[in-house]
Amino acid sequence: MSNHRHASHPAIIKRLNRAAGHLRSIVAMIEEERTCVDVAQQLDAVEKAVASAKRALINDHIDHCLTHTDGEGGAARAIEDFKAISRYL
């Protein structure tokens, strides 16, 4: 596996770590028998945070990986790569 790091990755990692912390707190909320509305609200927030991280990662991929395809077959390779990542949109 090759190294594949973008400038946006540290921010995405930070966002996902924060979401992971919120998810752990949701487990505690359930164990503490908090209301379903409170738990659902926090789950919704975690879901949005993860979706936002995914969107940032995909947009970064499109901006940096698909637009910088040089050499023989670059356009075809970019199209295939876009098809592969578009499954996760």
PDB file of N, CA and C in Angstrom:
ATOM      1  N   MET A   1       0.845  -1.172   0.000  1.00  0.00           N
ATOM      2  CA  MET A   1       0.000   0.000   0.000  1.00  0.00           C
ATOM      3  C   MET A   1       0.893   1.239   0.000  1.00  0.00           C
ATOM      4  N   SER A   2       0.581   2.181  -0.835  1.00  0.00           N
ATOM      5  CA  SER A   2       1.414   3.373  -0.956  1.00  0.00           C
ATOM      6  C   SER A   2       0.972   4.454   0.031  1.00  0.00           C
ATOM      7  N   ASN A   3       1.883   5.365   0.301  1.00  0.00           N
ATOM      8  CA  ASN A   3       1.543   6.508   1.137  1.00  0.00           C
ATOM      9  C   ASN A   3       0.623   7.414   0.331  1.00  0.00           C
ATOM     10  N   HIS A   4      -0.447   7.801   0.948  1.00  0.00           N
ATOM     11  CA  HIS A   4      -1.428   8.634   0.259  1.00  0.00           C
ATOM     12  C   HIS A   4      -1.957   9.635   1.266  1.00  0.00           C
ATOM     13  N   ARG A   5      -1.304  10.762   1.373  1.00  0.00           N
ATOM     14  CA  ARG A   5      -1.663  11.762   2.372  1.00  0.00           C
ATOM     15  C   ARG A   5      -1.911  13.100   1.693  1.00  0.00           C
ATOM     16  N   HIS A   6      -2.965  13.749   2.140  1.00  0.00           N
ATOM     17  CA  HIS A   6      -3.322  15.064   1.628  1.00  0.00           C
ATOM     18  C   HIS A   6      -3.291  16.060   2.788  1.00  0.00           C
ATOM     19  N   ALA A   7      -3.232  17.312   2.449  1.00  0.00           N
ATOM     20  CA  ALA A   7      -3.215  18.363   3.469  1.00  0.00           C
ATOM     21  C   ALA A   7      -4.483  18.340   4.319  1.00  0.00           C
ATOM     22  N   SER A   8      -5.580  17.861   3.766  1.00  0.00           N
ATOM     23  CA  SER A   8      -6.848  17.841   4.503  1.00  0.00           C
ATOM     24  C   SER A   8      -6.954  16.684   5.495  1.00  0.00           C
ATOM     25  N   HIS A   9      -6.100  15.694   5.380  1.00  0.00           N
ATOM     26  CA  HIS A   9      -6.225  14.504   6.227  1.00  0.00           C
ATOM     27  C   HIS A   9      -6.157  14.793   7.726  1.00  0.00           C
ATOM     28  N   PRO A  10      -5.240  15.641   8.208  1.00  0.00           N
ATOM     29  CA  PRO A  10      -5.244  15.908   9.652  1.00  0.00           C
ATOM     30  C   PRO A  10      -6.575  16.485  10.150  1.00  0.00           C
ATOM     31  N   ALA A  11      -7.183  17.365   9.387  1.00  0.00           N
ATOM     32  CA  ALA A  11      -8.481  17.924   9.787  1.00  0.00           C
ATOM     33  C   ALA A  11      -9.563  16.851   9.770  1.00  0.00           C
ATOM     34  N   ILE A  12      -9.511  15.960   8.806  1.00  0.00           N
ATOM     35  CA  ILE A  12     -10.496  14.872   8.734  1.00  0.00           C
ATOM     36  C   ILE A  12     -10.301  13.921   9.911  1.00  0.00           C
ATOM     37  N   ILE A  13      -9.058  13.613  10.238  1.00  0.00           N
ATOM     38  CA  ILE A  13      -8.774  12.754  11.389  1.00  0.00           C
ATOM     39  C   ILE A  13      -9.303  13.396  12.667  1.00  0.00           C
ATOM     40  N   LYS A  14      -9.067  14.689  12.824  1.00  0.00           N
ATOM     41  CA  LYS A  14      -9.547  15.407  14.002  1.00  0.00           C
ATOM     42  C   LYS A  14     -11.065  15.328  14.093  1.00  0.00           C
ATOM     43  N   ARG A  15     -11.737  15.529  12.973  1.00  0.00           N
ATOM     44  CA  ARG A  15     -13.200  15.471  12.936  1.00  0.00           C
ATOM     45  C   ARG A  15     -13.701  14.075  13.300  1.00  0.00           C
ATOM     46  N   LEU A  16     -13.053  13.043  12.777  1.00  0.00           N
ATOM     47  CA  LEU A  16     -13.477  11.676  13.074  1.00  0.00           C
ATOM     48  C   LEU A  16     -13.188  11.292  14.522  1.00  0.00           C
ATOM     49  N   ASN A  17     -12.072  11.751  15.063  1.00  0.00           N
ATOM     50  CA  ASN A  17     -11.785  11.489  16.474  1.00  0.00           C
ATOM     51  C   ASN A  17     -12.816  12.148  17.381  1.00  0.00           C
ATOM     52  N   ARG A  18     -13.225  13.355  17.017  1.00  0.00           N
ATOM     53  CA  ARG A  18     -14.262  14.048  17.783  1.00  0.00           C
ATOM     54  C   ARG A  18     -15.579  13.266  17.699  1.00  0.00           C
ATOM     55  N   ALA A  19     -15.920  12.778  16.513  1.00  0.00           N
ATOM     56  CA  ALA A  19     -17.150  11.988  16.337  1.00  0.00           C
ATOM     57  C   ALA A  19     -17.067  10.698  17.140  1.00  0.00           C
ATOM     58  N   ALA A  20     -15.883  10.085  17.181  1.00  0.00           N
ATOM     59  CA  ALA A  20     -15.703   8.852  17.958  1.00  0.00           C
ATOM     60  C   ALA A  20     -15.935   9.128  19.443  1.00  0.00           C
ATOM     61  N   GLY A  21     -15.452  10.270  19.920  1.00  0.00           N
ATOM     62  CA  GLY A  21     -15.695  10.641  21.312  1.00  0.00           C
ATOM     63  C   GLY A  21     -17.167  10.844  21.591  1.00  0.00           C
ATOM     64  N   HIS A  22     -17.852  11.481  20.668  1.00  0.00           N
ATOM     65  CA  HIS A  22     -19.299  11.681  20.829  1.00  0.00           C
ATOM     66  C   HIS A  22     -20.023  10.339  20.820  1.00  0.00           C
ATOM     67  N   LEU A  23     -19.569   9.428  19.980  1.00  0.00           N
ATOM     68  CA  LEU A  23     -20.207   8.119  19.918  1.00  0.00           C
ATOM     69  C   LEU A  23     -20.035   7.369  21.246  1.00  0.00           C
ATOM     70  N   ARG A  24     -18.846   7.464  21.833  1.00  0.00           N
ATOM     71  CA  ARG A  24     -18.636   6.838  23.147  1.00  0.00           C
ATOM     72  C   ARG A  24     -19.566   7.463  24.196  1.00  0.00           C
ATOM     73  N   SER A  25     -19.770   8.771  24.105  1.00  0.00           N
ATOM     74  CA  SER A  25     -20.664   9.422  25.072  1.00  0.00           C
ATOM     75  C   SER A  25     -22.116   8.996  24.853  1.00  0.00           C
ATOM     76  N   ILE A  26     -22.466   8.664  23.633  1.00  0.00           N
ATOM     77  CA  ILE A  26     -23.828   8.175  23.362  1.00  0.00           C
ATOM     78  C   ILE A  26     -24.048   6.822  24.025  1.00  0.00           C
ATOM     79  N   VAL A  27     -23.041   5.976  23.972  1.00  0.00           N
ATOM     80  CA  VAL A  27     -23.141   4.681  24.663  1.00  0.00           C
ATOM     81  C   VAL A  27     -23.382   4.921  26.151  1.00  0.00           C
ATOM     82  N   ALA A  28     -22.643   5.861  26.716  1.00  0.00           N
ATOM     83  CA  ALA A  28     -22.836   6.190  28.132  1.00  0.00           C
ATOM     84  C   ALA A  28     -24.245   6.721  28.382  1.00  0.00           C
ATOM     85  N   MET A  29     -24.749   7.532  27.463  1.00  0.00           N
ATOM     86  CA  MET A  29     -26.105   8.065  27.612  1.00  0.00           C
ATOM     87  C   MET A  29     -27.129   6.928  27.675  1.00  0.00           C
ATOM     88  N   ILE A  30     -26.946   5.930  26.818  1.00  0.00           N
ATOM     89  CA  ILE A  30     -27.871   4.791  26.813  1.00  0.00           C
ATOM     90  C   ILE A  30     -27.747   4.015  28.125  1.00  0.00           C
ATOM     91  N   GLU A  31     -26.517   3.812  28.572  1.00  0.00           N
ATOM     92  CA  GLU A  31     -26.299   3.103  29.831  1.00  0.00           C
ATOM     93  C   GLU A  31     -26.891   3.865  31.015  1.00  0.00           C
ATOM     94  N   GLU A  32     -26.891   5.200  30.923  1.00  0.00           N
ATOM     95  CA  GLU A  32     -27.468   6.048  31.970  1.00  0.00           C
ATOM     96  C   GLU A  32     -28.974   6.201  31.821  1.00  0.00           C
ATOM     97  N   GLU A  33     -29.534   5.546  30.824  1.00  0.00           N
ATOM     98  CA  GLU A  33     -30.969   5.549  30.554  1.00  0.00           C
ATOM     99  C   GLU A  33     -31.509   6.941  30.250  1.00  0.00           C
ATOM    100  N   ARG A  34     -30.744   7.693  29.479  1.00  0.00           N
ATOM    101  CA  ARG A  34     -31.204   9.007  29.028  1.00  0.00           C
ATOM    102  C   ARG A  34     -32.354   8.808  28.050  1.00  0.00           C
ATOM    103  N   THR A  35     -33.080   9.861  27.780  1.00  0.00           N
ATOM    104  CA  THR A  35     -34.258   9.748  26.924  1.00  0.00           C
ATOM    105  C   THR A  35     -33.862   9.392  25.488  1.00  0.00           C
ATOM    106  N   CYS A  36     -34.755   8.734  24.825  1.00  0.00           N
ATOM    107  CA  CYS A  36     -34.526   8.344  23.427  1.00  0.00           C
ATOM    108  C   CYS A  36     -34.332   9.570  22.542  1.00  0.00           C
ATOM    109  N   VAL A  37     -35.042  10.635  22.834  1.00  0.00           N
ATOM    110  CA  VAL A  37     -34.909  11.857  22.041  1.00  0.00           C
ATOM    111  C   VAL A  37     -33.496  12.415  22.185  1.00  0.00           C
ATOM    112  N   ASP A  38     -32.963  12.436  23.396  1.00  0.00           N
ATOM    113  CA  ASP A  38     -31.594  12.917  23.619  1.00  0.00           C
ATOM    114  C   ASP A  38     -30.580  12.056  22.867  1.00  0.00           C
ATOM    115  N   VAL A  39     -30.757  10.752  22.950  1.00  0.00           N
ATOM    116  CA  VAL A  39     -29.834   9.826  22.291  1.00  0.00           C
ATOM    117  C   VAL A  39     -29.936   9.978  20.770  1.00  0.00           C
ATOM    118  N   ALA A  40     -31.153  10.050  20.253  1.00  0.00           N
ATOM    119  CA  ALA A  40     -31.345  10.192  18.806  1.00  0.00           C
ATOM    120  C   ALA A  40     -30.729  11.491  18.300  1.00  0.00           C
ATOM    121  N   GLN A  41     -30.859  12.550  19.080  1.00  0.00           N
ATOM    122  CA  GLN A  41     -30.279  13.842  18.691  1.00  0.00           C
ATOM    123  C   GLN A  41     -28.758  13.729  18.584  1.00  0.00           C
ATOM    124  N   GLN A  42     -28.135  13.072  19.534  1.00  0.00           N
ATOM    125  CA  GLN A  42     -26.682  12.913  19.510  1.00  0.00           C
ATOM    126  C   GLN A  42     -26.243  11.969  18.393  1.00  0.00           C
ATOM    127  N   LEU A  43     -27.017  10.922  18.154  1.00  0.00           N
ATOM    128  CA  LEU A  43     -26.709  10.017  17.039  1.00  0.00           C
ATOM    129  C   LEU A  43     -26.774  10.755  15.711  1.00  0.00           C
ATOM    130  N   ASP A  44     -27.761  11.621  15.580  1.00  0.00           N
ATOM    131  CA  ASP A  44     -27.890  12.415  14.358  1.00  0.00           C
ATOM    132  C   ASP A  44     -26.667  13.308  14.173  1.00  0.00           C
ATOM    133  N   ALA A  45     -26.192  13.903  15.256  1.00  0.00           N
ATOM    134  CA  ALA A  45     -25.017  14.771  15.181  1.00  0.00           C
ATOM    135  C   ALA A  45     -23.773  13.970  14.766  1.00  0.00           C
ATOM    136  N   VAL A  46     -23.610  12.770  15.308  1.00  0.00           N
ATOM    137  CA  VAL A  46     -22.463  11.932  14.936  1.00  0.00           C
ATOM    138  C   VAL A  46     -22.569  11.512  13.476  1.00  0.00           C
ATOM    139  N   GLU A  47     -23.768  11.140  13.062  1.00  0.00           N
ATOM    140  CA  GLU A  47     -23.982  10.741  11.678  1.00  0.00           C
ATOM    141  C   GLU A  47     -23.618  11.880  10.722  1.00  0.00           C
ATOM    142  N   LYS A  48     -24.019  13.090  11.053  1.00  0.00           N
ATOM    143  CA  LYS A  48     -23.697  14.254  10.215  1.00  0.00           C
ATOM    144  C   LYS A  48     -22.199  14.539  10.210  1.00  0.00           C
ATOM    145  N   ALA A  49     -21.547  14.355  11.353  1.00  0.00           N
ATOM    146  CA  ALA A  49     -20.101  14.592  11.435  1.00  0.00           C
ATOM    147  C   ALA A  49     -19.341  13.592  10.566  1.00  0.00           C
ATOM    148  N   VAL A  50     -19.748  12.339  10.588  1.00  0.00           N
ATOM    149  CA  VAL A  50     -19.095  11.316   9.764  1.00  0.00           C
ATOM    150  C   VAL A  50     -19.370  11.586   8.287  1.00  0.00           C
ATOM    151  N   ALA A  51     -20.593  11.950   7.953  1.00  0.00           N
ATOM    152  CA  ALA A  51     -20.925  12.273   6.558  1.00  0.00           C
ATOM    153  C   ALA A  51     -20.114  13.472   6.078  1.00  0.00           C
ATOM    154  N   SER A  52     -19.925  14.436   6.945  1.00  0.00           N
ATOM    155  CA  SER A  52     -19.141  15.613   6.586  1.00  0.00           C
ATOM    156  C   SER A  52     -17.682  15.239   6.349  1.00  0.00           C
ATOM    157  N   ALA A  53     -17.143  14.360   7.171  1.00  0.00           N
ATOM    158  CA  ALA A  53     -15.763  13.900   6.987  1.00  0.00           C
ATOM    159  C   ALA A  53     -15.628  13.129   5.672  1.00  0.00           C
ATOM    160  N   LYS A  54     -16.608  12.301   5.378  1.00  0.00           N
ATOM    161  CA  LYS A  54     -16.596  11.546   4.115  1.00  0.00           C
ATOM    162  C   LYS A  54     -16.650  12.488   2.924  1.00  0.00           C
ATOM    163  N   ARG A  55     -17.508  13.475   3.001  1.00  0.00           N
ATOM    164  CA  ARG A  55     -17.645  14.447   1.921  1.00  0.00           C
ATOM    165  C   ARG A  55     -16.333  15.210   1.717  1.00  0.00           C
ATOM    166  N   ALA A  56     -15.698  15.612   2.803  1.00  0.00           N
ATOM    167  CA  ALA A  56     -14.420  16.324   2.712  1.00  0.00           C
ATOM    168  C   ALA A  56     -13.354  15.448   2.074  1.00  0.00           C
ATOM    169  N   LEU A  57     -13.314  14.177   2.458  1.00  0.00           N
ATOM    170  CA  LEU A  57     -12.334  13.253   1.894  1.00  0.00           C
ATOM    171  C   LEU A  57     -12.566  13.053   0.398  1.00  0.00           C
ATOM    172  N   ILE A  58     -13.817  12.856   0.001  1.00  0.00           N
ATOM    173  CA  ILE A  58     -14.132  12.634  -1.410  1.00  0.00           C
ATOM    174  C   ILE A  58     -13.853  13.891  -2.228  1.00  0.00           C
ATOM    175  N   ASN A  59     -14.248  15.051  -1.709  1.00  0.00           N
ATOM    176  CA  ASN A  59     -13.966  16.292  -2.433  1.00  0.00           C
ATOM    177  C   ASN A  59     -12.471  16.520  -2.590  1.00  0.00           C
ATOM    178  N   ASP A  60     -11.723  16.239  -1.545  1.00  0.00           N
ATOM    179  CA  ASP A  60     -10.273  16.377  -1.613  1.00  0.00           C
ATOM    180  C   ASP A  60      -9.694  15.415  -2.649  1.00  0.00           C
ATOM    181  N   HIS A  61     -10.221  14.217  -2.677  1.00  0.00           N
ATOM    182  CA  HIS A  61      -9.769  13.226  -3.653  1.00  0.00           C
ATOM    183  C   HIS A  61     -10.029  13.724  -5.075  1.00  0.00           C
ATOM    184  N   ILE A  62     -11.216  14.239  -5.303  1.00  0.00           N
ATOM    185  CA  ILE A  62     -11.560  14.746  -6.631  1.00  0.00           C
ATOM    186  C   ILE A  62     -10.652  15.916  -7.000  1.00  0.00           C
ATOM    187  N   ASP A  63     -10.450  16.825  -6.056  1.00  0.00           N
ATOM    188  CA  ASP A  63      -9.620  18.006  -6.324  1.00  0.00           C
ATOM    189  C   ASP A  63      -8.158  17.667  -6.577  1.00  0.00           C
ATOM    190  N   HIS A  64      -7.616  16.705  -5.858  1.00  0.00           N
ATOM    191  CA  HIS A  64      -6.181  16.464  -5.926  1.00  0.00           C
ATOM    192  C   HIS A  64      -5.773  15.218  -6.705  1.00  0.00           C
ATOM    193  N   CYS A  65      -6.590  14.203  -6.682  1.00  0.00           N
ATOM    194  CA  CYS A  65      -6.205  12.971  -7.366  1.00  0.00           C
ATOM    195  C   CYS A  65      -6.730  12.903  -8.796  1.00  0.00           C
ATOM    196  N   LEU A  66      -7.964  13.314  -8.988  1.00  0.00           N
ATOM    197  CA  LEU A  66      -8.555  13.192 -10.318  1.00  0.00           C
ATOM    198  C   LEU A  66      -8.132  14.316 -11.250  1.00  0.00           C
ATOM    199  N   THR A  67      -7.818  15.470 -10.705  1.00  0.00           N
ATOM    200  CA  THR A  67      -7.453  16.586 -11.574  1.00  0.00           C
ATOM    201  C   THR A  67      -5.978  16.599 -11.937  1.00  0.00           C
ATOM    202  N   HIS A  68      -5.188  15.750 -11.302  1.00  0.00           N
ATOM    203  CA  HIS A  68      -3.750  15.722 -11.572  1.00  0.00           C
ATOM    204  C   HIS A  68      -3.331  14.393 -12.195  1.00  0.00           C
ATOM    205  N   THR A  69      -4.042  13.990 -13.213  1.00  0.00           N
ATOM    206  CA  THR A  69      -3.701  12.744 -13.898  1.00  0.00           C
ATOM    207  C   THR A  69      -2.903  13.084 -15.144  1.00  0.00           C
ATOM    208  N   ASP A  70      -1.650  12.792 -15.079  1.00  0.00           N
ATOM    209  CA  ASP A  70      -0.749  13.068 -16.193  1.00  0.00           C
ATOM    210  C   ASP A  70      -0.346  11.752 -16.857  1.00  0.00           C
ATOM    211  N   GLY A  71       0.138  11.874 -18.050  1.00  0.00           N
ATOM    212  CA  GLY A  71       0.697  10.713 -18.734  1.00  0.00           C
ATOM    213  C   GLY A  71      -0.327   9.927 -19.518  1.00  0.00           C
ATOM    214  N   GLU A  72       0.165   8.849 -20.101  1.00  0.00           N
ATOM    215  CA  GLU A  72      -0.639   7.961 -20.935  1.00  0.00           C
ATOM    216  C   GLU A  72      -1.792   7.353 -20.139  1.00  0.00           C
ATOM    217  N   GLY A  73      -2.992   7.460 -20.663  1.00  0.00           N
ATOM    218  CA  GLY A  73      -4.167   6.872 -20.022  1.00  0.00           C
ATOM    219  C   GLY A  73      -4.643   7.633 -18.811  1.00  0.00           C
ATOM    220  N   GLY A  74      -4.145   8.833 -18.596  1.00  0.00           N
ATOM    221  CA  GLY A  74      -4.507   9.598 -17.406  1.00  0.00           C
ATOM    222  C   GLY A  74      -5.987   9.883 -17.305  1.00  0.00           C
ATOM    223  N   ALA A  75      -6.591  10.297 -18.398  1.00  0.00           N
ATOM    224  CA  ALA A  75      -8.023  10.614 -18.380  1.00  0.00           C
ATOM    225  C   ALA A  75      -8.852   9.365 -18.119  1.00  0.00           C
ATOM    226  N   ALA A  76      -8.497   8.267 -18.760  1.00  0.00           N
ATOM    227  CA  ALA A  76      -9.231   7.016 -18.543  1.00  0.00           C
ATOM    228  C   ALA A  76      -9.072   6.539 -17.102  1.00  0.00           C
ATOM    229  N   ARG A  77      -7.876   6.682 -16.567  1.00  0.00           N
ATOM    230  CA  ARG A  77      -7.612   6.288 -15.180  1.00  0.00           C
ATOM    231  C   ARG A  77      -8.439   7.163 -14.228  1.00  0.00           C
ATOM    232  N   ALA A  78      -8.516   8.472 -14.526  1.00  0.00           N
ATOM    233  CA  ALA A  78      -9.293   9.388 -13.689  1.00  0.00           C
ATOM    234  C   ALA A  78     -10.773   9.034 -13.725  1.00  0.00           C
ATOM    235  N   ILE A  79     -11.285   8.657 -14.878  1.00  0.00           N
ATOM    236  CA  ILE A  79     -12.696   8.280 -14.998  1.00  0.00           C
ATOM    237  C   ILE A  79     -12.976   7.025 -14.183  1.00  0.00           C
ATOM    238  N   GLU A  80     -12.116   6.045 -14.283  1.00  0.00           N
ATOM    239  CA  GLU A  80     -12.290   4.805 -13.513  1.00  0.00           C
ATOM    240  C   GLU A  80     -12.223   5.083 -12.012  1.00  0.00           C
ATOM    241  N   ASP A  81     -11.291   5.933 -11.627  1.00  0.00           N
ATOM    242  CA  ASP A  81     -11.149   6.293 -10.218  1.00  0.00           C
ATOM    243  C   ASP A  81     -12.385   7.032  -9.723  1.00  0.00           C
ATOM    244  N   PHE A  82     -12.926   7.919 -10.552  1.00  0.00           N
ATOM    245  CA  PHE A  82     -14.137   8.639 -10.177  1.00  0.00           C
ATOM    246  C   PHE A  82     -15.313   7.682 -10.040  1.00  0.00           C
ATOM    247  N   LYS A  83     -15.435   6.732 -10.944  1.00  0.00           N
ATOM    248  CA  LYS A  83     -16.504   5.727 -10.840  1.00  0.00           C
ATOM    249  C   LYS A  83     -16.385   4.946  -9.551  1.00  0.00           C
ATOM    250  N   ALA A  84     -15.169   4.617  -9.173  1.00  0.00           N
ATOM    251  CA  ALA A  84     -14.956   3.838  -7.948  1.00  0.00           C
ATOM    252  C   ALA A  84     -15.356   4.643  -6.718  1.00  0.00           C
ATOM    253  N   ILE A  85     -14.964   5.893  -6.659  1.00  0.00           N
ATOM    254  CA  ILE A  85     -15.268   6.682  -5.455  1.00  0.00           C
ATOM    255  C   ILE A  85     -16.706   7.180  -5.438  1.00  0.00           C
ATOM    256  N   SER A  86     -17.336   7.290  -6.594  1.00  0.00           N
ATOM    257  CA  SER A  86     -18.709   7.799  -6.652  1.00  0.00           C
ATOM    258  C   SER A  86     -19.695   6.851  -5.970  1.00  0.00           C
ATOM    259  N   ARG A  87     -19.320   5.612  -5.771  1.00  0.00           N
ATOM    260  CA  ARG A  87     -20.194   4.672  -5.038  1.00  0.00           C
ATOM    261  C   ARG A  87     -20.444   5.151  -3.614  1.00  0.00           C
ATOM    262  N   TYR A  88     -19.556   5.984  -3.094  1.00  0.00           N
ATOM    263  CA  TYR A  88     -19.643   6.411  -1.712  1.00  0.00           C
ATOM    264  C   TYR A  88     -20.241   7.808  -1.523  1.00  0.00           C
ATOM    265  N   LEU A  89     -20.697   8.398  -2.638  1.00  0.00           N
ATOM    266  CA  LEU A  89     -21.295   9.734  -2.555  1.00  0.00           C
ATOM    267  C   LEU A  89     -22.663   9.669  -1.913  1.00  0.00           C
TER     268      LEU A  89
END
